[in-house]
Amino acid sequence: MNNTLVIYGSEHESAKETAEILGFIIGNAKVTSVNDAPSDVDGYDNICLVFTYYGPLAAKDWVEKNVASVSLKKLVVVGVKIQDKHFFDHVHAIEKITGVDAIVRSTGMFDPEGASLLGEDLAAVLRAPEKKMEDADLKVEIEKILKEHKTLALATASETYTRCTPLEYIYRKNRIYILTEGGMKFRGLLVNKNVSFAIYKESDSMDDLEGLQVQGEARLVDFMNEEYENVLEFKGIDPEKIKAMPNEMHLICIEPTKCDVLCTAFKEKGFSVKQQLVIK
């Protein structure tokens, strides 16, 4: 388990709020003020220090007191509402104390959306698999999951509306196709091409887990164009039956951009159970 201790270095609300957002998004995290931070950090792989202009000294004091254990961890330093020169002076001082090259980020003024994006960025860095599978091999594993299943849960959203819909899908030529009569999922889909879907295997054991989360871009395929008819042929559906229906059947195509896989079987092959494939 990859655990992170997030310490905010002052009682200033922006530091605390940023730390809490980072903790939620990074995951497997404990968030605490520097005054309550534990001296025993053996259960953590990463230390993330978050401070404003008023918090660096307290953070440095904590680091100095626990330098023997902190120097063995992956270290992140995040500055909130602090001028770059002053911020980097404090970062360099912490790096000198620990002998660790820190992962450094600065957010400027506090902003929940900005802090969330920072959390996503740090999650990718801190939770990167220690034993990464080659992209070509991971793609084979992802295709295996996609071919073994027939249903997914598709999430679509607009600014004020979200929907998650269980649907049958067709996997063809690295794309996901969904044949559908319509419905509330289109309330988000028609205004926001960014979608996500999940596929998983049911299991009663933590030693037998398999799940796939995919982010991608969706588009509607024109009715009965060449692509539409090719998907019908691949699925063994007579186009004339679709044309004869009283309602139109819409074809959604999803182009995956990022795939996150959790598979405990990867461990038997010498890899981390969590893997990620970014599709360019």
Protein backbone atom coordinates (compact mmCIF):
# COMPACT_ATOMS: atom_id res chain seq x y z
CA MET A 1 0.00 0.00 0.00
CA ASN A 2 1.35 3.42 -1.01
CA ASN A 3 0.50 5.74 1.91
CA THR A 4 0.96 9.51 2.08
CA LEU A 5 1.16 11.79 5.12
CA VAL A 6 -0.05 15.31 4.20
CA ILE A 7 1.04 17.97 6.69
CA TYR A 8 -0.16 21.56 6.49
CA GLY A 9 2.32 23.93 8.06
CA SER A 10 0.03 26.58 9.55
CA GLU A 11 -3.50 27.11 10.76
CA HIS A 12 -4.17 29.34 7.73
CA GLU A 13 -7.37 28.08 6.10
CA SER A 14 -5.96 28.00 2.56
CA ALA A 15 -3.15 25.65 3.60
CA LYS A 16 -5.56 23.38 5.46
CA GLU A 17 -8.12 23.35 2.64
CA THR A 18 -5.45 22.63 0.03
CA ALA A 19 -4.04 19.79 2.16
CA GLU A 20 -7.48 18.25 2.62
CA ILE A 21 -8.20 18.33 -1.12
CA LEU A 22 -4.80 16.76 -1.85
CA GLY A 23 -5.46 14.04 0.71
CA PHE A 24 -8.80 13.12 -0.82
CA ILE A 25 -7.46 12.93 -4.38
CA ILE A 26 -4.05 11.35 -3.74
CA GLY A 27 -5.79 8.66 -1.70
CA ASN A 28 -4.43 6.36 1.02
CA ALA A 29 -3.59 9.56 2.87
CA LYS A 30 -3.73 11.08 6.35
CA VAL A 31 -4.03 14.87 6.66
CA THR A 32 -2.83 16.64 9.78
CA SER A 33 -1.53 19.98 11.00
CA VAL A 34 2.18 20.25 11.70
CA ASN A 35 1.39 20.63 15.41
CA ASP A 36 -0.35 17.22 15.44
CA ALA A 37 1.93 15.47 12.96
CA PRO A 38 3.27 12.13 14.21
CA SER A 39 6.96 11.50 14.78
CA ASP A 40 6.56 7.88 13.71
CA VAL A 41 6.18 7.92 9.92
CA ASP A 42 7.24 4.34 9.23
CA GLY A 43 3.78 3.56 7.83
CA TYR A 44 4.10 6.19 5.11
CA ASP A 45 5.87 6.10 1.77
CA ASN A 46 5.41 9.80 0.99
CA ILE A 47 5.51 13.02 2.99
CA CYS A 48 3.68 16.03 1.53
CA LEU A 49 4.27 19.43 3.20
CA VAL A 50 1.74 22.18 2.44
CA PHE A 51 2.30 25.69 3.73
CA THR A 52 1.53 29.35 3.15
CA TYR A 53 3.80 32.29 3.89
CA TYR A 54 3.27 31.74 7.62
CA GLY A 55 3.97 28.01 7.81
CA PRO A 56 7.47 27.17 6.51
CA LEU A 57 9.33 27.51 9.82
CA ALA A 58 7.04 25.10 11.63
CA ALA A 59 7.32 22.66 8.73
CA LYS A 60 11.12 22.90 8.79
CA ASP A 61 11.15 22.35 12.55
CA TRP A 62 9.10 19.17 12.15
CA VAL A 63 11.40 17.95 9.38
CA GLU A 64 14.50 18.59 11.49
CA LYS A 65 13.06 16.66 14.43
CA ASN A 66 12.19 13.69 12.21
CA VAL A 67 14.94 13.92 9.61
CA ALA A 68 16.15 10.32 10.05
CA SER A 69 12.82 8.89 8.88
CA VAL A 70 11.74 11.72 6.54
CA SER A 71 14.97 11.41 4.55
CA LEU A 72 13.90 7.87 3.57
CA LYS A 73 10.59 9.02 2.07
CA LYS A 74 9.47 10.56 -1.18
CA LEU A 75 9.06 14.24 -0.32
CA VAL A 76 6.59 16.75 -1.75
CA VAL A 77 6.53 20.46 -0.90
CA VAL A 78 3.53 22.58 -1.90
CA GLY A 79 3.39 26.36 -1.49
CA VAL A 80 0.08 28.21 -1.26
CA LYS A 81 -0.14 32.02 -1.53
CA ILE A 82 3.59 32.46 -1.19
CA GLN A 83 6.00 34.43 -3.38
CA ASP A 84 8.19 32.15 -5.47
CA LYS A 85 11.54 33.42 -4.19
CA HIS A 86 10.60 32.98 -0.54
CA PHE A 87 8.97 29.64 -1.29
CA PHE A 88 12.01 28.19 -3.03
CA ASP A 89 14.30 29.46 -0.28
CA HIS A 90 12.31 27.32 2.16
CA VAL A 91 12.25 24.36 -0.24
CA HIS A 92 16.03 24.44 -0.59
CA ALA A 93 16.41 24.61 3.20
CA ILE A 94 14.20 21.51 3.62
CA GLU A 95 16.10 19.70 0.87
CA LYS A 96 19.39 20.54 2.59
CA ILE A 97 18.12 19.16 5.90
CA THR A 98 16.85 15.89 4.42
CA GLY A 99 19.24 15.35 1.54
CA VAL A 100 16.17 14.59 -0.58
CA ASP A 101 15.29 16.27 -3.89
CA ALA A 102 11.69 17.30 -3.28
CA ILE A 103 8.80 17.23 -5.73
CA VAL A 104 7.90 20.92 -5.73
CA ARG A 105 4.61 22.59 -6.61
CA SER A 106 3.25 26.11 -6.04
CA THR A 107 -0.44 26.97 -6.37
CA GLY A 108 -0.50 30.74 -5.89
CA MET A 109 -3.85 31.87 -4.48
CA PHE A 110 -6.06 29.11 -3.11
CA ASP A 111 -8.56 27.77 -5.61
CA PRO A 112 -10.50 24.49 -5.15
CA GLU A 113 -10.32 23.58 -8.84
CA GLY A 114 -6.61 24.37 -8.98
CA ALA A 115 -5.99 22.32 -5.84
CA SER A 116 -7.94 19.43 -7.38
CA LEU A 117 -5.82 19.53 -10.53
CA LEU A 118 -2.72 19.61 -8.35
CA GLY A 119 -4.03 16.57 -6.49
CA GLU A 120 -4.46 14.70 -9.77
CA ASP A 121 -0.92 15.65 -10.78
CA LEU A 122 0.58 14.49 -7.48
CA ALA A 123 -1.49 11.31 -7.44
CA ALA A 124 0.02 10.34 -10.79
CA VAL A 125 3.52 10.94 -9.41
CA LEU A 126 3.13 9.39 -5.97
CA ARG A 127 1.01 6.41 -7.01
CA ALA A 128 3.00 5.50 -10.11
CA PRO A 129 3.59 1.73 -10.08
CA GLU A 130 6.97 0.68 -8.73
CA LYS A 131 7.03 -2.24 -11.17
CA LYS A 132 5.53 -0.89 -14.35
CA MET A 133 4.39 -3.07 -17.19
CA GLU A 134 5.47 -2.15 -20.71
CA ASP A 135 2.73 -0.24 -22.55
CA ALA A 136 2.43 -2.89 -25.28
CA ASP A 137 1.97 -5.65 -22.69
CA LEU A 138 -0.48 -3.57 -20.67
CA LYS A 139 -2.52 -2.87 -23.79
CA VAL A 140 -2.85 -6.64 -24.32
CA GLU A 141 -4.12 -7.04 -20.74
CA ILE A 142 -6.62 -4.20 -21.20
CA GLU A 143 -7.92 -5.69 -24.43
CA LYS A 144 -8.31 -9.03 -22.67
CA ILE A 145 -10.57 -7.41 -20.06
CA LEU A 146 -12.57 -5.55 -22.71
CA LYS A 147 -13.12 -8.73 -24.72
CA GLU A 148 -14.09 -10.81 -21.66
CA HIS A 149 -16.93 -8.47 -20.66
CA LYS A 150 -20.04 -7.16 -22.38
CA THR A 151 -21.33 -4.43 -20.06
CA LEU A 152 -19.91 -1.22 -18.64
CA ALA A 153 -21.03 1.67 -16.46
CA LEU A 154 -20.84 4.88 -18.52
CA ALA A 155 -20.54 8.24 -16.75
CA THR A 156 -21.58 11.39 -18.60
CA ALA A 157 -21.94 14.90 -17.22
CA SER A 158 -22.81 18.50 -17.95
CA GLU A 159 -22.01 21.40 -15.65
CA THR A 160 -25.06 20.68 -13.47
CA TYR A 161 -25.98 17.09 -14.26
CA THR A 162 -24.34 13.65 -13.95
CA ARG A 163 -25.49 10.24 -15.05
CA CYS A 164 -24.03 6.74 -14.76
CA THR A 165 -25.67 4.18 -17.01
CA PRO A 166 -25.09 0.42 -17.30
CA LEU A 167 -24.85 -0.47 -21.00
CA GLU A 168 -23.83 -3.23 -23.35
CA TYR A 169 -20.85 -2.36 -25.51
CA ILE A 170 -18.96 -3.51 -28.58
CA TYR A 171 -15.16 -3.46 -28.62
CA ARG A 172 -13.70 -3.04 -32.12
CA LYS A 173 -10.40 -1.66 -33.36
CA ASN A 174 -9.40 -0.03 -30.05
CA ARG A 175 -12.74 1.75 -29.77
CA ILE A 176 -15.81 1.23 -27.65
CA TYR A 177 -19.17 1.36 -29.41
CA ILE A 178 -22.57 1.59 -27.74
CA LEU A 179 -25.81 1.14 -29.66
CA THR A 180 -28.59 2.95 -27.84
CA GLU A 181 -32.07 4.32 -28.33
CA GLY A 182 -31.16 7.51 -26.43
CA GLY A 183 -31.94 8.56 -22.87
CA MET A 184 -30.73 10.85 -20.11
CA LYS A 185 -27.05 10.03 -20.67
CA PHE A 186 -27.28 12.31 -23.70
CA ARG A 187 -28.04 15.30 -21.48
CA GLY A 188 -24.36 15.29 -20.60
CA LEU A 189 -23.00 13.68 -23.74
CA LEU A 190 -24.37 16.30 -26.13
CA VAL A 191 -22.60 19.15 -24.31
CA ASN A 192 -19.50 17.38 -23.00
CA LYS A 193 -17.54 14.87 -25.05
CA ASN A 194 -15.44 13.80 -22.04
CA VAL A 195 -16.72 10.53 -20.56
CA SER A 196 -15.57 7.76 -18.29
CA PHE A 197 -16.58 4.14 -17.91
CA ALA A 198 -15.80 1.25 -15.61
CA ILE A 199 -15.71 -2.52 -16.06
CA TYR A 200 -15.03 -4.95 -13.24
CA LYS A 201 -15.16 -8.57 -12.25
CA GLU A 202 -17.24 -9.47 -9.22
CA SER A 203 -15.19 -11.09 -6.48
CA ASP A 204 -15.51 -11.97 -2.80
CA SER A 205 -11.75 -11.95 -2.26
CA MET A 206 -9.25 -9.08 -2.09
CA ASP A 207 -6.76 -11.49 -3.67
CA ASP A 208 -8.84 -11.79 -6.85
CA LEU A 209 -9.57 -8.28 -8.05
CA GLU A 210 -9.87 -7.05 -11.62
CA GLY A 211 -11.20 -3.67 -12.67
CA LEU A 212 -10.75 -1.20 -15.50
CA GLN A 213 -11.49 2.54 -15.44
CA VAL A 214 -11.28 4.39 -18.74
CA GLN A 215 -11.37 8.08 -19.60
CA GLY A 216 -12.08 9.03 -23.17
CA GLU A 217 -13.79 11.22 -25.71
CA ALA A 218 -17.18 10.29 -27.11
CA ARG A 219 -18.78 11.15 -30.42
CA LEU A 220 -21.92 10.16 -32.28
CA VAL A 221 -21.51 8.11 -35.44
CA ASP A 222 -23.72 9.29 -38.29
CA PHE A 223 -26.69 6.99 -38.85
CA MET A 224 -25.89 4.27 -41.38
CA ASN A 225 -22.61 5.72 -42.59
CA GLU A 226 -19.77 3.31 -43.36
CA GLU A 227 -18.52 3.16 -39.76
CA TYR A 228 -22.04 2.58 -38.43
CA GLU A 229 -22.65 -0.27 -40.89
CA ASN A 230 -19.23 -1.82 -40.18
CA VAL A 231 -20.07 -2.00 -36.46
CA LEU A 232 -23.42 -3.61 -37.22
CA GLU A 233 -21.72 -6.17 -39.48
CA PHE A 234 -19.10 -6.90 -36.80
CA LYS A 235 -21.90 -7.50 -34.29
CA GLY A 236 -23.95 -9.57 -36.73
CA ILE A 237 -26.87 -7.14 -36.85
CA ASP A 238 -28.89 -6.72 -40.03
CA PRO A 239 -28.93 -3.01 -40.99
CA GLU A 240 -32.41 -3.40 -42.49
CA LYS A 241 -33.80 -4.39 -39.08
CA ILE A 242 -32.34 -1.23 -37.58
CA LYS A 243 -33.80 0.90 -40.39
CA ALA A 244 -37.22 -0.73 -39.92
CA MET A 245 -37.41 0.16 -36.24
CA PRO A 246 -39.91 2.91 -35.29
CA ASN A 247 -37.17 4.76 -33.43
CA GLU A 248 -33.62 5.66 -34.43
CA MET A 249 -30.75 3.74 -32.83
CA HIS A 250 -27.81 6.00 -32.02
CA LEU A 251 -24.22 4.75 -32.11
CA ILE A 252 -21.78 6.21 -29.61
CA CYS A 253 -18.06 5.79 -30.24
CA ILE A 254 -15.61 6.25 -27.36
CA GLU A 255 -11.92 6.82 -28.05
CA PRO A 256 -10.00 5.92 -24.85
CA THR A 257 -7.37 8.42 -23.68
CA LYS A 258 -6.37 6.93 -20.32
CA CYS A 259 -6.87 3.49 -18.77
CA ASP A 260 -6.38 2.63 -15.10
CA VAL A 261 -6.21 -1.07 -14.28
CA LEU A 262 -6.37 -2.84 -10.94
CA CYS A 263 -5.55 -6.53 -11.28
CA THR A 264 -4.17 -8.66 -8.45
CA ALA A 265 -3.01 -11.24 -11.00
CA PHE A 266 -0.36 -8.75 -12.15
CA LYS A 267 1.51 -9.39 -8.91
CA GLU A 268 2.09 -13.03 -9.92
CA LYS A 269 3.73 -11.73 -13.11
CA GLY A 270 6.10 -9.49 -11.14
CA PHE A 271 4.26 -6.19 -11.65
CA SER A 272 2.40 -3.74 -9.43
CA VAL A 273 -1.32 -4.50 -9.20
CA LYS A 274 -2.18 -0.95 -10.33
CA GLN A 275 -1.14 0.09 -13.83
CA GLN A 276 -1.96 3.05 -16.07
CA LEU A 277 -1.89 3.41 -19.84
CA VAL A 278 -2.03 6.88 -21.38
CA ILE A 279 -3.08 6.75 -25.01
CA LYS A 280 -1.62 9.53 -27.12
